[in-house]
Amino acid sequence: MPPPTADSEIVGTAPIPYGSQPMGDRRTNGGQAQTEKRGKQKQSAVLQQVREQIVRGKWQPGQRMPSRGEFELETGVSRVTVQKVFDRLVHEGFIEVQGRRETRVAQLPPHLTRYAIAFPYHPTDTENWSRFWSTLADVARGIKRPDGTPAFDVYYNLDGHTDVREYRDMLTAARHHQMAGMIFVGLTPRLRKTPLLLETTMPRVLISRNSTLTEDTRVSTVTADTANFFDKAVGHLASKGCKTVAVLMVGEEMIENALMPALARHGLTCPPYWLQLILAESRRTVGSLIHLMLRDPNHRPDGLIIADDHFTTPATAGLFAAGVRVPQDLQVVVHENFPSHGESPLPFTRLGFDARETLANCLRLIDDERKTGATSPVDIQVPAHFVGDLTR
């Protein structure tokens, strides 16, 4: 998709170089400026009118549109203005010119076939960026429309600051119906209060670790089913004969809501000193922590759950330092974001969430809302999968 521009920036116009016109009566120049301003306002109004008619379905994809002469009579503007409007609609992907100036609605107009996915940070912000987000962005870029063109525009730095270019671009694209829906990966309170959420009406979905349905901004959610992850991880360790497990995880709320019920269901235990909550800024200490936990061969757990893929690399170093053999000495289940591959050479059991499934659910929610007009937000939970259960 071309970068969005204001309606007044019609393709085919260009600034007049300074000094290219002789100076005349100031009143004449002032009148000319007013005439040009009114002309641009008419262009903008007609452009918005025709775009809205296409979005509302007055002409369906592939359907022939009225001629330029018919638009000239209907709108009361000049043939030149109509041509500039058509040029802009071609540029935005709403219409196609075929044969001898025959114009039809595009087979794949953006308001039906393109989507936006927005992240609160940029990948270069390593303190806040996550591997899951990298996987989502990669998967989104790989999704194509039937004609092979990208289905997604990826936006960064959407944290609620309205003075950044990415926010302004996405707001303009939304107002011009250049997308079928918006997907937010993390939705800050500040962003919820911006025109992008409050003034646009297209479907929007939030990818979140927890369900956060909100009626005020009408945002549905797609969340990772962490209870399902821990149930499958603990169940796998139980099937391997494990009795006690150690867990490295983030998110204290998941202990009572997901981990403990899974341990009780499968009859395993996790002593408090083997249950470690790791803060994002403490990831580099994971290797040393694993070494300390497992260096005594007479006092080790039977299994280990690494519930965040950021821990996999340092945990691998810690296992090597402690002289632990996997799986002979210790069964290990690691979290992974599919279809990404893990970075450890050790034979871990890989369990996680598929970004392709996550985005497919987002698109289904957007398309269902667009087709049915439903406005009540819903939540979809994505189950965890073992790597062997996925079709790559």
Protein backbone atom coordinates (compact mmCIF):
# COMPACT_ATOMS: atom_id res chain seq x y z
CA MET A 1 0.00 0.00 0.00
CA PRO A 2 1.34 3.49 -0.77
CA PRO A 3 1.89 5.72 2.25
CA PRO A 4 -1.37 7.46 3.17
CA THR A 5 -1.73 11.12 2.35
CA ALA A 6 -4.31 13.77 3.01
CA ASP A 7 -7.33 13.84 0.70
CA SER A 8 -6.20 17.16 -0.69
CA GLU A 9 -2.95 15.66 -1.96
CA ILE A 10 -4.35 14.40 -5.23
CA VAL A 11 -2.06 12.55 -7.61
CA GLY A 12 -1.14 14.70 -10.57
CA THR A 13 -0.84 18.02 -8.74
CA ALA A 14 2.50 19.69 -8.20
CA PRO A 15 3.61 22.92 -6.54
CA ILE A 16 4.18 25.87 -8.88
CA PRO A 17 7.84 26.92 -8.75
CA TYR A 18 8.45 30.29 -7.19
CA GLY A 19 8.84 33.00 -9.77
CA SER A 20 7.24 31.04 -12.61
CA GLN A 21 4.33 33.49 -12.78
CA PRO A 22 4.57 37.24 -13.21
CA MET A 23 3.51 39.32 -10.25
CA GLY A 24 0.17 41.01 -10.74
CA ASP A 25 -2.48 42.72 -8.74
CA ARG A 26 -2.46 41.39 -5.17
CA ARG A 27 -6.24 41.23 -5.27
CA THR A 28 -6.02 39.00 -8.34
CA ASN A 29 -3.50 36.71 -6.68
CA GLY A 30 -5.65 36.54 -3.57
CA GLY A 31 -8.68 35.63 -5.63
CA GLN A 32 -6.71 32.95 -7.45
CA ALA A 33 -5.61 31.46 -4.12
CA GLN A 34 -9.21 31.32 -2.93
CA THR A 35 -10.24 29.65 -6.17
CA GLU A 36 -7.49 27.04 -5.82
CA LYS A 37 -8.50 26.43 -2.21
CA ARG A 38 -12.13 25.90 -3.17
CA GLY A 39 -11.01 23.57 -5.95
CA LYS A 40 -9.01 21.42 -3.54
CA GLN A 41 -11.92 21.35 -1.13
CA LYS A 42 -14.19 20.10 -3.90
CA GLN A 43 -11.66 17.45 -4.85
CA SER A 44 -11.44 16.29 -1.25
CA ALA A 45 -15.24 16.21 -0.87
CA VAL A 46 -15.77 14.24 -4.09
CA LEU A 47 -12.93 11.86 -3.24
CA GLN A 48 -14.42 11.17 0.17
CA GLN A 49 -17.90 10.75 -1.33
CA VAL A 50 -16.85 8.21 -3.96
CA ARG A 51 -14.61 6.33 -1.52
CA GLU A 52 -17.49 6.09 0.98
CA GLN A 53 -19.83 4.83 -1.74
CA ILE A 54 -17.40 2.05 -2.62
CA VAL A 55 -16.94 1.11 1.05
CA ARG A 56 -20.72 1.01 1.62
CA GLY A 57 -21.09 -1.31 -1.36
CA LYS A 58 -22.81 0.90 -3.91
CA TRP A 59 -20.50 -0.77 -6.44
CA GLN A 60 -19.19 -4.24 -5.73
CA PRO A 61 -15.64 -5.47 -6.46
CA GLY A 62 -15.25 -5.86 -10.21
CA GLN A 63 -18.38 -3.85 -10.98
CA ARG A 64 -18.23 -1.16 -13.64
CA MET A 65 -18.49 2.39 -12.33
CA PRO A 66 -20.12 5.41 -14.00
CA SER A 67 -18.04 7.25 -16.56
CA ARG A 68 -16.12 10.39 -15.79
CA GLY A 69 -18.72 12.40 -17.66
CA GLU A 70 -21.48 10.95 -15.51
CA PHE A 71 -19.53 11.80 -12.36
CA GLU A 72 -18.97 15.29 -13.72
CA LEU A 73 -22.71 15.81 -14.10
CA GLU A 74 -23.55 14.20 -10.76
CA THR A 75 -21.02 16.08 -8.66
CA GLY A 76 -20.97 19.39 -10.47
CA VAL A 77 -17.18 19.54 -10.65
CA SER A 78 -14.95 19.77 -13.69
CA ARG A 79 -13.70 16.82 -15.73
CA VAL A 80 -10.16 17.63 -14.52
CA THR A 81 -11.27 17.35 -10.89
CA VAL A 82 -13.01 14.04 -11.56
CA GLN A 83 -9.86 12.71 -13.23
CA LYS A 84 -7.74 13.70 -10.25
CA VAL A 85 -10.19 11.93 -7.92
CA PHE A 86 -10.04 8.79 -10.05
CA ASP A 87 -6.25 8.95 -10.13
CA ARG A 88 -6.21 9.07 -6.34
CA LEU A 89 -8.62 6.13 -6.01
CA VAL A 90 -6.44 4.09 -8.37
CA HIS A 91 -3.41 5.01 -6.24
CA GLU A 92 -5.21 3.87 -3.07
CA GLY A 93 -6.29 0.59 -4.68
CA PHE A 94 -10.05 1.17 -4.73
CA ILE A 95 -10.56 1.25 -8.50
CA GLU A 96 -8.91 -0.09 -11.65
CA VAL A 97 -8.88 1.37 -15.14
CA GLN A 98 -9.42 -1.23 -17.86
CA GLY A 99 -9.43 -0.98 -21.62
CA ARG A 100 -10.38 2.40 -23.08
CA ARG A 101 -10.90 4.27 -19.83
CA GLU A 102 -13.40 1.75 -18.48
CA THR A 103 -13.32 1.96 -14.70
CA ARG A 104 -14.27 -0.78 -12.27
CA VAL A 105 -14.04 -1.27 -8.54
CA ALA A 106 -10.86 -3.19 -7.79
CA GLN A 107 -11.26 -6.93 -7.29
CA LEU A 108 -9.30 -6.62 -4.02
CA PRO A 109 -10.13 -3.20 -2.58
CA PRO A 110 -8.22 -2.32 0.61
CA HIS A 111 -11.30 -1.98 2.82
CA LEU A 112 -12.00 -5.69 2.27
CA THR A 113 -8.58 -7.29 1.88
CA ARG A 114 -5.90 -5.35 3.75
CA TYR A 115 -5.18 -5.21 7.47
CA ALA A 116 -3.01 -3.28 9.88
CA ILE A 117 -1.04 -4.74 12.78
CA ALA A 118 0.38 -2.28 15.31
CA PHE A 119 3.07 -2.79 17.94
CA PRO A 120 3.70 -0.42 20.87
CA TYR A 121 7.47 -0.45 20.40
CA HIS A 122 10.06 -0.80 17.66
CA PRO A 123 12.22 -3.96 17.28
CA THR A 124 15.30 -1.88 18.03
CA ASP A 125 13.91 -1.24 21.53
CA THR A 126 15.38 -4.47 22.88
CA GLU A 127 14.33 -3.78 26.47
CA ASN A 128 10.64 -3.80 25.59
CA TRP A 129 10.46 -5.82 22.37
CA SER A 130 9.62 -9.53 22.61
CA ARG A 131 10.39 -12.56 20.47
CA PHE A 132 6.69 -13.29 20.22
CA TRP A 133 6.20 -9.92 18.56
CA SER A 134 9.01 -10.64 16.10
CA THR A 135 7.30 -13.89 15.16
CA LEU A 136 3.93 -12.15 14.73
CA ALA A 137 5.46 -9.46 12.53
CA ASP A 138 7.23 -12.05 10.37
CA VAL A 139 4.07 -14.10 9.96
CA ALA A 140 2.00 -11.00 9.12
CA ARG A 141 4.45 -9.97 6.42
CA GLY A 142 4.21 -13.43 4.89
CA ILE A 143 0.42 -13.35 4.50
CA LYS A 144 -0.55 -12.46 0.94
CA ARG A 145 -3.73 -11.49 -0.85
CA PRO A 146 -4.91 -13.64 -3.76
CA ASP A 147 -2.92 -11.50 -6.19
CA GLY A 148 0.29 -12.06 -4.23
CA THR A 149 0.51 -8.57 -2.72
CA PRO A 150 0.92 -8.10 1.05
CA ALA A 151 -2.23 -8.36 3.15
CA PHE A 152 -0.70 -6.51 6.12
CA ASP A 153 0.80 -3.14 6.85
CA VAL A 154 3.00 -3.28 9.96
CA TYR A 155 3.14 -0.22 12.24
CA TYR A 156 5.53 0.37 15.15
CA ASN A 157 5.68 2.80 18.08
CA LEU A 158 1.89 2.84 18.54
CA ASP A 159 2.04 3.54 22.30
CA GLY A 160 -0.44 6.41 22.43
CA HIS A 161 1.77 9.33 21.42
CA THR A 162 -0.11 11.07 18.63
CA ASP A 163 2.84 13.13 17.42
CA VAL A 164 4.77 10.23 15.91
CA ARG A 165 4.72 9.54 12.17
CA GLU A 166 3.56 5.90 12.52
CA TYR A 167 0.48 6.94 14.47
CA ARG A 168 -0.45 9.68 11.99
CA ASP A 169 0.01 7.30 9.04
CA MET A 170 -2.19 4.64 10.58
CA LEU A 171 -4.89 7.14 11.57
CA THR A 172 -4.98 8.55 8.03
CA ALA A 173 -5.17 5.06 6.52
CA ALA A 174 -8.01 4.14 8.90
CA ARG A 175 -9.97 7.30 8.14
CA HIS A 176 -9.57 6.64 4.42
CA HIS A 177 -10.80 3.03 4.78
CA GLN A 178 -7.50 1.64 3.51
CA MET A 179 -7.82 -1.41 5.74
CA ALA A 180 -10.49 -3.93 6.69
CA GLY A 181 -9.51 -3.94 10.35
CA MET A 182 -6.82 -3.22 12.91
CA ILE A 183 -4.87 -5.63 15.10
CA PHE A 184 -3.11 -4.25 18.16
CA VAL A 185 -0.32 -6.14 19.90
CA GLY A 186 -0.50 -4.57 23.33
CA LEU A 187 -2.91 -1.67 23.81
CA THR A 188 -1.77 1.02 26.20
CA PRO A 189 -4.28 3.10 28.19
CA ARG A 190 -2.96 6.19 26.38
CA LEU A 191 -3.65 4.67 22.95
CA ARG A 192 -7.19 3.72 23.98
CA LYS A 193 -7.97 7.43 24.38
CA THR A 194 -6.77 8.52 20.95
CA PRO A 195 -8.87 9.19 17.83
CA LEU A 196 -7.52 5.97 16.32
CA LEU A 197 -9.62 4.02 18.82
CA LEU A 198 -12.37 6.50 19.64
CA GLU A 199 -13.21 7.98 16.23
CA THR A 200 -12.75 5.08 13.82
CA THR A 201 -15.44 2.45 13.44
CA MET A 202 -13.72 -0.43 11.69
CA PRO A 203 -13.21 -3.77 13.49
CA ARG A 204 -10.26 -3.99 15.86
CA VAL A 205 -8.69 -6.89 17.76
CA LEU A 206 -6.17 -6.99 20.60
CA ILE A 207 -3.56 -9.75 20.89
CA SER A 208 -2.92 -10.00 24.61
CA ARG A 209 -1.55 -12.31 27.28
CA ASN A 210 -4.76 -11.84 29.23
CA SER A 211 -8.36 -11.29 28.22
CA THR A 212 -9.12 -7.57 28.54
CA LEU A 213 -12.51 -7.12 26.91
CA THR A 214 -13.58 -3.50 26.99
CA GLU A 215 -16.91 -2.11 25.85
CA ASP A 216 -15.61 1.45 25.76
CA THR A 217 -13.30 0.90 22.80
CA ARG A 218 -15.09 -2.18 21.40
CA VAL A 219 -11.97 -4.32 21.14
CA SER A 220 -12.13 -8.11 20.89
CA THR A 221 -9.17 -10.12 22.15
CA VAL A 222 -7.14 -13.13 21.08
CA THR A 223 -5.18 -14.50 24.04
CA ALA A 224 -2.77 -17.33 24.69
CA ASP A 225 -4.39 -20.04 26.82
CA THR A 226 -1.70 -20.21 29.50
CA ALA A 227 -3.72 -22.67 31.57
CA ASN A 228 -3.68 -25.02 28.60
CA PHE A 229 0.09 -24.52 28.23
CA PHE A 230 0.81 -25.49 31.85
CA ASP A 231 -1.65 -28.38 31.77
CA LYS A 232 0.09 -29.87 28.72
CA ALA A 233 3.58 -29.16 30.07
CA VAL A 234 2.90 -30.74 33.47
CA GLY A 235 1.00 -33.61 31.86
CA HIS A 236 3.95 -34.36 29.60
CA LEU A 237 6.38 -34.43 32.55
CA ALA A 238 4.01 -36.69 34.48
CA SER A 239 3.89 -39.07 31.51
CA LYS A 240 7.72 -39.28 31.70
CA GLY A 241 7.58 -40.33 35.34
CA CYS A 242 8.45 -36.98 36.91
CA LYS A 243 7.31 -36.29 40.47
CA THR A 244 8.82 -32.89 41.28
CA VAL A 245 9.37 -30.00 38.88
CA ALA A 246 11.08 -26.62 38.76
CA VAL A 247 9.49 -23.73 36.89
CA LEU A 248 10.90 -20.52 35.41
CA MET A 249 8.11 -18.14 34.47
CA VAL A 250 6.83 -14.58 34.22
CA GLY A 251 3.47 -13.34 35.43
CA GLU A 252 2.62 -14.01 39.05
CA GLU A 253 -1.08 -14.28 38.25
CA MET A 254 -0.41 -17.49 36.28
CA ILE A 255 0.75 -19.35 39.40
CA GLU A 256 -2.69 -19.65 40.96
CA ASN A 257 -4.68 -19.52 37.72
CA ALA A 258 -2.67 -21.97 35.62
CA LEU A 259 0.34 -23.66 37.22
CA MET A 260 -1.03 -24.86 40.54
CA PRO A 261 -4.22 -26.37 39.09
CA ALA A 262 -2.10 -28.26 36.54
CA LEU A 263 0.23 -29.62 39.23
CA ALA A 264 -2.71 -30.76 41.34
CA ARG A 265 -4.47 -32.34 38.35
CA HIS A 266 -1.44 -34.45 37.43
CA GLY A 267 -0.15 -35.16 40.94
CA LEU A 268 3.19 -33.32 40.70
CA THR A 269 4.78 -30.93 43.19
CA CYS A 270 6.87 -27.78 42.83
CA PRO A 271 8.60 -26.64 46.05
CA PRO A 272 8.66 -22.83 46.47
CA TYR A 273 12.44 -22.66 46.04
CA TRP A 274 12.10 -24.25 42.59
CA LEU A 275 9.39 -21.85 41.48
CA GLN A 276 11.16 -18.77 40.13
CA LEU A 277 9.49 -15.63 38.80
CA ILE A 278 11.88 -13.82 36.46
CA LEU A 279 11.60 -10.13 35.68
CA ALA A 280 12.35 -8.94 32.17
CA GLU A 281 15.41 -7.02 33.34
CA SER A 282 16.73 -10.16 35.11
CA ARG A 283 16.82 -12.48 32.10
CA ARG A 284 20.61 -12.51 32.02
CA THR A 285 20.67 -14.14 35.46
CA VAL A 286 18.72 -17.20 34.31
CA GLY A 287 21.85 -19.20 33.48
CA SER A 288 23.35 -18.68 36.93
CA LEU A 289 20.02 -19.45 38.56
CA ILE A 290 19.72 -22.76 36.70
CA HIS A 291 23.28 -23.64 37.66
CA LEU A 292 22.56 -23.01 41.35
CA MET A 293 19.27 -24.93 41.26
CA LEU A 294 20.68 -28.04 39.57
CA ARG A 295 24.35 -28.30 40.53
CA ASP A 296 23.66 -30.80 43.35
CA PRO A 297 22.88 -34.14 41.65
CA ASN A 298 21.36 -35.44 44.90
CA HIS A 299 18.83 -32.64 45.13
CA ARG A 300 17.35 -31.96 41.72
CA PRO A 301 13.83 -31.89 40.32
CA ASP A 302 12.76 -34.53 37.82
CA GLY A 303 11.48 -31.98 35.34
CA LEU A 304 11.88 -28.34 34.37
CA ILE A 305 9.40 -26.00 32.70
CA ILE A 306 10.86 -22.92 31.02
CA ALA A 307 7.72 -20.88 30.42
CA ASP A 308 9.26 -18.01 28.44
CA ASP A 309 11.33 -18.37 25.29
CA HIS A 310 13.60 -15.49 26.35
CA PHE A 311 14.99 -17.86 29.01
CA THR A 312 15.92 -20.72 26.66
CA THR A 313 19.41 -19.58 25.67
CA PRO A 314 20.68 -18.64 29.16
CA ALA A 315 19.00 -21.74 30.65
CA THR A 316 20.90 -23.89 28.15
CA ALA A 317 24.18 -22.37 29.35
CA GLY A 318 23.18 -23.05 32.95
CA LEU A 319 22.37 -26.69 32.22
CA PHE A 320 25.76 -27.18 30.58
CA ALA A 321 27.49 -25.50 33.54
CA ALA A 322 25.66 -27.75 36.01
CA GLY A 323 26.58 -30.88 34.04
CA VAL A 324 22.94 -31.85 33.56
CA ARG A 325 22.13 -34.20 30.70
CA VAL A 326 18.82 -33.74 28.90
CA PRO A 327 16.72 -35.85 28.98
CA GLN A 328 18.71 -38.49 30.90
CA ASP A 329 18.99 -36.43 34.10
CA LEU A 330 16.18 -33.95 33.56
CA GLN A 331 13.08 -33.69 31.40
CA VAL A 332 12.72 -30.14 30.07
CA VAL A 333 9.71 -28.44 28.48
CA VAL A 334 10.38 -25.04 26.92
CA HIS A 335 7.99 -22.40 25.67
CA GLU A 336 8.27 -21.52 22.01
CA ASN A 337 6.55 -19.17 19.57
CA PHE A 338 5.84 -21.14 16.42
CA PRO A 339 6.74 -21.20 13.60
CA SER A 340 10.02 -19.82 14.98
CA HIS A 341 12.65 -22.39 15.86
CA GLY A 342 14.35 -22.67 19.24
CA GLU A 343 17.98 -21.69 19.66
CA SER A 344 19.10 -24.45 22.03
CA PRO A 345 21.01 -27.53 20.80
CA LEU A 346 19.59 -29.58 23.67
CA PRO A 347 16.70 -32.00 23.04
CA PHE A 348 14.02 -29.98 24.83
CA THR A 349 10.33 -30.73 24.45
CA ARG A 350 8.98 -27.67 22.67
CA LEU A 351 5.51 -26.45 23.53
CA GLY A 352 3.97 -23.11 22.64
CA PHE A 353 1.58 -21.01 20.64
CA ASP A 354 1.37 -20.70 16.88
CA ALA A 355 1.47 -17.11 15.62
CA ARG A 356 -0.22 -18.25 12.41
CA GLU A 357 -3.19 -19.53 14.38
CA THR A 358 -3.26 -16.33 16.43
CA LEU A 359 -3.43 -14.11 13.34
CA ALA A 360 -5.95 -16.39 11.64
CA ASN A 361 -8.26 -15.92 14.63
CA CYS A 362 -7.77 -12.16 14.47
CA LEU A 363 -8.70 -12.08 10.79
CA ARG A 364 -11.76 -14.24 11.43
CA LEU A 365 -12.98 -11.87 14.15
CA ILE A 366 -12.45 -8.84 11.90
CA ASP A 367 -14.15 -10.39 8.88
CA ASP A 368 -17.08 -11.71 10.95
CA GLU A 369 -17.67 -8.29 12.49
CA ARG A 370 -17.41 -6.59 9.11
CA LYS A 371 -19.91 -8.98 7.53
CA THR A 372 -22.42 -9.21 10.39
CA GLY A 373 -22.09 -5.78 11.97
CA ALA A 374 -21.73 -7.33 15.43
CA THR A 375 -20.28 -4.86 17.93
CA SER A 376 -20.02 -6.88 21.15
CA PRO A 377 -16.35 -7.76 21.80
CA VAL A 378 -15.46 -11.42 22.21
CA ASP A 379 -12.42 -13.35 23.40
CA ILE A 380 -10.73 -16.28 21.66
CA GLN A 381 -8.14 -18.34 23.51
CA VAL A 382 -5.43 -19.99 21.44
CA PRO A 383 -4.38 -23.43 22.73
CA ALA A 384 -0.78 -24.56 23.17
CA HIS A 385 0.74 -27.13 20.80
CA PHE A 386 3.72 -29.47 20.91
CA VAL A 387 6.02 -28.91 17.97
CA GLY A 388 5.29 -32.38 16.63
CA ASP A 389 1.58 -31.58 16.41
CA LEU A 390 2.06 -28.64 14.03
CA THR A 391 2.03 -28.69 10.25
CA ARG A 392 4.77 -26.35 9.17
